[in-house]
Each structure stands twice: as C-alpha cells, then as structure tokens.
Amino acid sequence: MVDGPGRSLPAPEADALEAQLRMFARDIGVLYRDQKERAEQLEEALASLKTTYLETIRSLAFVVEAKDAYTGQHLERCRAYGVV
C-alpha cells in the first residue's frame, strides 16, 4: 500500500493495478475507434442529406420553370442565394 512519497506498492498489487490500467486503456481505445467511425458515418449521412435536399429544391424549381419560365428563373436565383 502507498503510505507517502517514495513508497511503492507490493508487487502483487502493482501487477493487478497495471493489468487493470491496461484493460482500461484497451477499452478506451476501442471506444475511441467506435466513436470515430460513427462520426465519419454521420458526416457521410449529412453530406448525402444535403445533396438530396438541394436536388429536391432544384427539381421543384424545374417543375415550376416548366410551367412559367420567369418564375422558374426567379426560383433558381433564390435557390442559388439560399445555398450561399
């Protein structure tokens, strides 16, 4: 047991603590890799969602433009400003 500065643990206790610390370090590494992978998946999903959203807006603008060219051009300008 540690009583003060300069004292060390008995070997069996030190070995047990070292083993426990190694397990914690391994678990933290696994959790880190899992979280990093999830973050990458979320970034990809967000990019896909943004692309789909913009394509939907563009498609709706083209539908309106097919009916009325002036309104369609106005919607395309509004879409372009909205993206900025």
N, C-alpha and C. Protein backbone atom coordinates (compact mmCIF):
# COMPACT_ATOMS: atom_id res chain seq x y z
N MET A 1 0.85 -1.18 0.00
CA MET A 1 0.00 0.00 0.00
C MET A 1 0.89 1.24 0.00
N VAL A 2 0.44 2.30 -0.61
CA VAL A 2 1.21 3.54 -0.67
C VAL A 2 0.92 4.35 0.58
N ASP A 3 2.00 4.66 1.34
CA ASP A 3 1.84 5.45 2.56
C ASP A 3 2.28 6.89 2.37
N GLY A 4 3.06 7.15 1.37
CA GLY A 4 3.55 8.51 1.17
C GLY A 4 4.51 8.56 0.00
N PRO A 5 5.14 9.73 -0.21
CA PRO A 5 6.06 9.88 -1.34
C PRO A 5 7.23 8.91 -1.24
N GLY A 6 7.61 8.37 -2.36
CA GLY A 6 8.75 7.48 -2.42
C GLY A 6 8.45 6.05 -2.06
N ARG A 7 7.25 5.76 -1.65
CA ARG A 7 6.88 4.38 -1.29
C ARG A 7 6.20 3.74 -2.49
N SER A 8 6.32 2.46 -2.61
CA SER A 8 5.71 1.76 -3.74
C SER A 8 4.76 0.68 -3.24
N LEU A 9 3.95 0.20 -4.16
CA LEU A 9 3.00 -0.87 -3.84
C LEU A 9 3.72 -2.21 -3.81
N PRO A 10 3.20 -3.13 -3.04
CA PRO A 10 3.73 -4.50 -3.12
C PRO A 10 3.53 -5.03 -4.54
N ALA A 11 4.41 -5.90 -4.98
CA ALA A 11 4.40 -6.41 -6.35
C ALA A 11 3.05 -6.96 -6.80
N PRO A 12 2.37 -7.79 -6.01
CA PRO A 12 1.09 -8.32 -6.49
C PRO A 12 0.05 -7.22 -6.73
N GLU A 13 0.02 -6.23 -5.86
CA GLU A 13 -0.94 -5.14 -6.04
C GLU A 13 -0.57 -4.29 -7.25
N ALA A 14 0.71 -4.03 -7.41
CA ALA A 14 1.18 -3.24 -8.56
C ALA A 14 0.85 -3.96 -9.86
N ASP A 15 1.06 -5.27 -9.89
CA ASP A 15 0.75 -6.05 -11.10
C ASP A 15 -0.74 -6.01 -11.40
N ALA A 16 -1.56 -6.13 -10.36
CA ALA A 16 -3.01 -6.10 -10.55
C ALA A 16 -3.46 -4.74 -11.07
N LEU A 17 -2.91 -3.68 -10.51
CA LEU A 17 -3.26 -2.33 -10.97
C LEU A 17 -2.80 -2.10 -12.40
N GLU A 18 -1.61 -2.58 -12.72
CA GLU A 18 -1.10 -2.43 -14.08
C GLU A 18 -2.00 -3.16 -15.07
N ALA A 19 -2.43 -4.37 -14.72
CA ALA A 19 -3.32 -5.13 -15.59
C ALA A 19 -4.65 -4.40 -15.77
N GLN A 20 -5.16 -3.84 -14.70
CA GLN A 20 -6.43 -3.11 -14.78
C GLN A 20 -6.27 -1.85 -15.64
N LEU A 21 -5.17 -1.14 -15.49
CA LEU A 21 -4.92 0.04 -16.31
C LEU A 21 -4.79 -0.32 -17.79
N ARG A 22 -4.15 -1.44 -18.07
CA ARG A 22 -4.04 -1.88 -19.46
C ARG A 22 -5.41 -2.20 -20.05
N MET A 23 -6.27 -2.82 -19.25
CA MET A 23 -7.63 -3.12 -19.72
C MET A 23 -8.40 -1.83 -19.97
N PHE A 24 -8.28 -0.86 -19.07
CA PHE A 24 -8.95 0.42 -19.26
C PHE A 24 -8.44 1.11 -20.52
N ALA A 25 -7.14 1.09 -20.73
CA ALA A 25 -6.55 1.71 -21.92
C ALA A 25 -7.06 1.04 -23.19
N ARG A 26 -7.14 -0.29 -23.17
CA ARG A 26 -7.66 -1.01 -24.33
C ARG A 26 -9.12 -0.64 -24.58
N ASP A 27 -9.92 -0.61 -23.51
CA ASP A 27 -11.34 -0.26 -23.64
C ASP A 27 -11.52 1.16 -24.18
N ILE A 28 -10.71 2.07 -23.70
CA ILE A 28 -10.79 3.45 -24.18
C ILE A 28 -10.41 3.52 -25.66
N GLY A 29 -9.41 2.75 -26.06
CA GLY A 29 -9.03 2.71 -27.47
C GLY A 29 -10.16 2.19 -28.35
N VAL A 30 -10.84 1.15 -27.89
CA VAL A 30 -11.98 0.60 -28.64
C VAL A 30 -13.09 1.63 -28.73
N LEU A 31 -13.40 2.28 -27.62
CA LEU A 31 -14.45 3.31 -27.62
C LEU A 31 -14.09 4.46 -28.55
N TYR A 32 -12.83 4.87 -28.55
CA TYR A 32 -12.38 5.95 -29.43
C TYR A 32 -12.58 5.57 -30.90
N ARG A 33 -12.16 4.37 -31.26
CA ARG A 33 -12.30 3.94 -32.65
C ARG A 33 -13.77 3.86 -33.05
N ASP A 34 -14.62 3.36 -32.15
CA ASP A 34 -16.05 3.28 -32.44
C ASP A 34 -16.65 4.66 -32.65
N GLN A 35 -16.30 5.60 -31.78
CA GLN A 35 -16.84 6.96 -31.90
C GLN A 35 -16.34 7.64 -33.17
N LYS A 36 -15.08 7.40 -33.51
CA LYS A 36 -14.53 7.99 -34.73
C LYS A 36 -15.27 7.45 -35.96
N GLU A 37 -15.53 6.15 -35.96
CA GLU A 37 -16.26 5.54 -37.08
C GLU A 37 -17.68 6.10 -37.16
N ARG A 38 -18.33 6.24 -36.02
CA ARG A 38 -19.69 6.81 -36.01
C ARG A 38 -19.69 8.24 -36.52
N ALA A 39 -18.70 9.02 -36.13
CA ALA A 39 -18.62 10.41 -36.58
C ALA A 39 -18.44 10.46 -38.10
N GLU A 40 -17.62 9.57 -38.65
CA GLU A 40 -17.42 9.53 -40.10
C GLU A 40 -18.72 9.14 -40.80
N GLN A 41 -19.44 8.18 -40.24
CA GLN A 41 -20.72 7.77 -40.82
C GLN A 41 -21.72 8.93 -40.80
N LEU A 42 -21.74 9.67 -39.71
CA LEU A 42 -22.65 10.82 -39.62
C LEU A 42 -22.28 11.90 -40.62
N GLU A 43 -20.99 12.14 -40.81
CA GLU A 43 -20.54 13.12 -41.80
C GLU A 43 -21.00 12.71 -43.20
N GLU A 44 -20.86 11.43 -43.53
CA GLU A 44 -21.29 10.94 -44.83
C GLU A 44 -22.80 11.08 -44.98
N ALA A 45 -23.55 10.75 -43.94
CA ALA A 45 -25.01 10.85 -43.98
C ALA A 45 -25.43 12.31 -44.15
N LEU A 46 -24.75 13.21 -43.46
CA LEU A 46 -25.07 14.63 -43.57
C LEU A 46 -24.80 15.14 -44.98
N ALA A 47 -23.69 14.75 -45.56
CA ALA A 47 -23.37 15.16 -46.94
C ALA A 47 -24.41 14.63 -47.91
N SER A 48 -24.82 13.39 -47.72
CA SER A 48 -25.83 12.79 -48.58
C SER A 48 -27.17 13.51 -48.42
N LEU A 49 -27.52 13.82 -47.20
CA LEU A 49 -28.78 14.52 -46.94
C LEU A 49 -28.77 15.90 -47.56
N LYS A 50 -27.65 16.61 -47.46
CA LYS A 50 -27.54 17.94 -48.06
C LYS A 50 -27.69 17.86 -49.57
N THR A 51 -27.03 16.88 -50.19
CA THR A 51 -27.14 16.71 -51.64
C THR A 51 -28.57 16.41 -52.05
N THR A 52 -29.22 15.52 -51.33
CA THR A 52 -30.61 15.17 -51.63
C THR A 52 -31.52 16.38 -51.47
N TYR A 53 -31.31 17.15 -50.42
CA TYR A 53 -32.12 18.35 -50.19
C TYR A 53 -31.97 19.33 -51.35
N LEU A 54 -30.74 19.60 -51.76
CA LEU A 54 -30.51 20.54 -52.86
C LEU A 54 -31.09 20.02 -54.17
N GLU A 55 -30.98 18.73 -54.42
CA GLU A 55 -31.55 18.15 -55.63
C GLU A 55 -33.07 18.25 -55.62
N THR A 56 -33.68 18.09 -54.46
CA THR A 56 -35.13 18.21 -54.34
C THR A 56 -35.57 19.64 -54.64
N ILE A 57 -34.89 20.61 -54.07
CA ILE A 57 -35.22 22.02 -54.32
C ILE A 57 -35.05 22.35 -55.80
N ARG A 58 -33.97 21.87 -56.39
CA ARG A 58 -33.71 22.13 -57.81
C ARG A 58 -34.80 21.49 -58.67
N SER A 59 -35.21 20.28 -58.34
CA SER A 59 -36.26 19.60 -59.10
C SER A 59 -37.57 20.36 -59.01
N LEU A 60 -37.91 20.83 -57.83
CA LEU A 60 -39.15 21.61 -57.68
C LEU A 60 -39.07 22.90 -58.49
N ALA A 61 -37.91 23.54 -58.51
CA ALA A 61 -37.75 24.76 -59.30
C ALA A 61 -37.92 24.46 -60.79
N PHE A 62 -37.39 23.34 -61.24
CA PHE A 62 -37.53 22.99 -62.66
C PHE A 62 -38.98 22.69 -63.01
N VAL A 63 -39.72 22.09 -62.10
CA VAL A 63 -41.14 21.83 -62.34
C VAL A 63 -41.87 23.14 -62.53
N VAL A 64 -41.60 24.11 -61.66
CA VAL A 64 -42.26 25.41 -61.77
C VAL A 64 -41.80 26.11 -63.05
N GLU A 65 -40.52 25.99 -63.37
CA GLU A 65 -39.99 26.63 -64.57
C GLU A 65 -40.65 26.08 -65.83
N ALA A 66 -40.96 24.81 -65.83
CA ALA A 66 -41.62 24.22 -66.99
C ALA A 66 -42.98 24.88 -67.21
N LYS A 67 -43.60 25.33 -66.14
CA LYS A 67 -44.91 25.97 -66.26
C LYS A 67 -44.76 27.45 -66.58
N ASP A 68 -43.79 28.12 -65.98
CA ASP A 68 -43.62 29.56 -66.14
C ASP A 68 -42.12 29.88 -66.09
N ALA A 69 -41.54 30.24 -67.23
CA ALA A 69 -40.09 30.45 -67.31
C ALA A 69 -39.62 31.57 -66.38
N TYR A 70 -40.36 32.66 -66.26
CA TYR A 70 -39.94 33.77 -65.41
C TYR A 70 -39.88 33.34 -63.95
N THR A 71 -40.94 32.67 -63.49
CA THR A 71 -40.97 32.20 -62.10
C THR A 71 -39.88 31.17 -61.86
N GLY A 72 -39.65 30.31 -62.84
CA GLY A 72 -38.61 29.30 -62.70
C GLY A 72 -37.23 29.92 -62.55
N GLN A 73 -36.95 30.96 -63.33
CA GLN A 73 -35.65 31.63 -63.21
C GLN A 73 -35.52 32.30 -61.84
N HIS A 74 -36.62 32.89 -61.37
CA HIS A 74 -36.62 33.52 -60.05
C HIS A 74 -36.32 32.47 -58.97
N LEU A 75 -36.95 31.32 -59.06
CA LEU A 75 -36.73 30.26 -58.07
C LEU A 75 -35.28 29.76 -58.12
N GLU A 76 -34.72 29.67 -59.32
CA GLU A 76 -33.33 29.21 -59.43
C GLU A 76 -32.39 30.22 -58.78
N ARG A 77 -32.66 31.52 -58.97
CA ARG A 77 -31.84 32.54 -58.30
C ARG A 77 -31.99 32.44 -56.79
N CYS A 78 -33.20 32.27 -56.31
CA CYS A 78 -33.44 32.14 -54.87
C CYS A 78 -32.72 30.91 -54.32
N ARG A 79 -32.76 29.81 -55.06
CA ARG A 79 -32.07 28.60 -54.63
C ARG A 79 -30.57 28.85 -54.53
N ALA A 80 -30.02 29.53 -55.53
CA ALA A 80 -28.59 29.82 -55.53
C ALA A 80 -28.21 30.72 -54.35
N TYR A 81 -29.04 31.70 -54.05
CA TYR A 81 -28.77 32.57 -52.90
C TYR A 81 -28.88 31.79 -51.59
N GLY A 82 -29.83 30.89 -51.54
CA GLY A 82 -30.03 30.09 -50.32
C GLY A 82 -28.86 29.17 -50.03
N VAL A 83 -28.18 28.70 -51.07
CA VAL A 83 -27.04 27.81 -50.90
C VAL A 83 -25.84 28.57 -50.35
N VAL A 84 -25.74 29.85 -50.71
CA VAL A 84 -24.61 30.67 -50.24
C VAL A 84 -24.78 30.87 -48.78
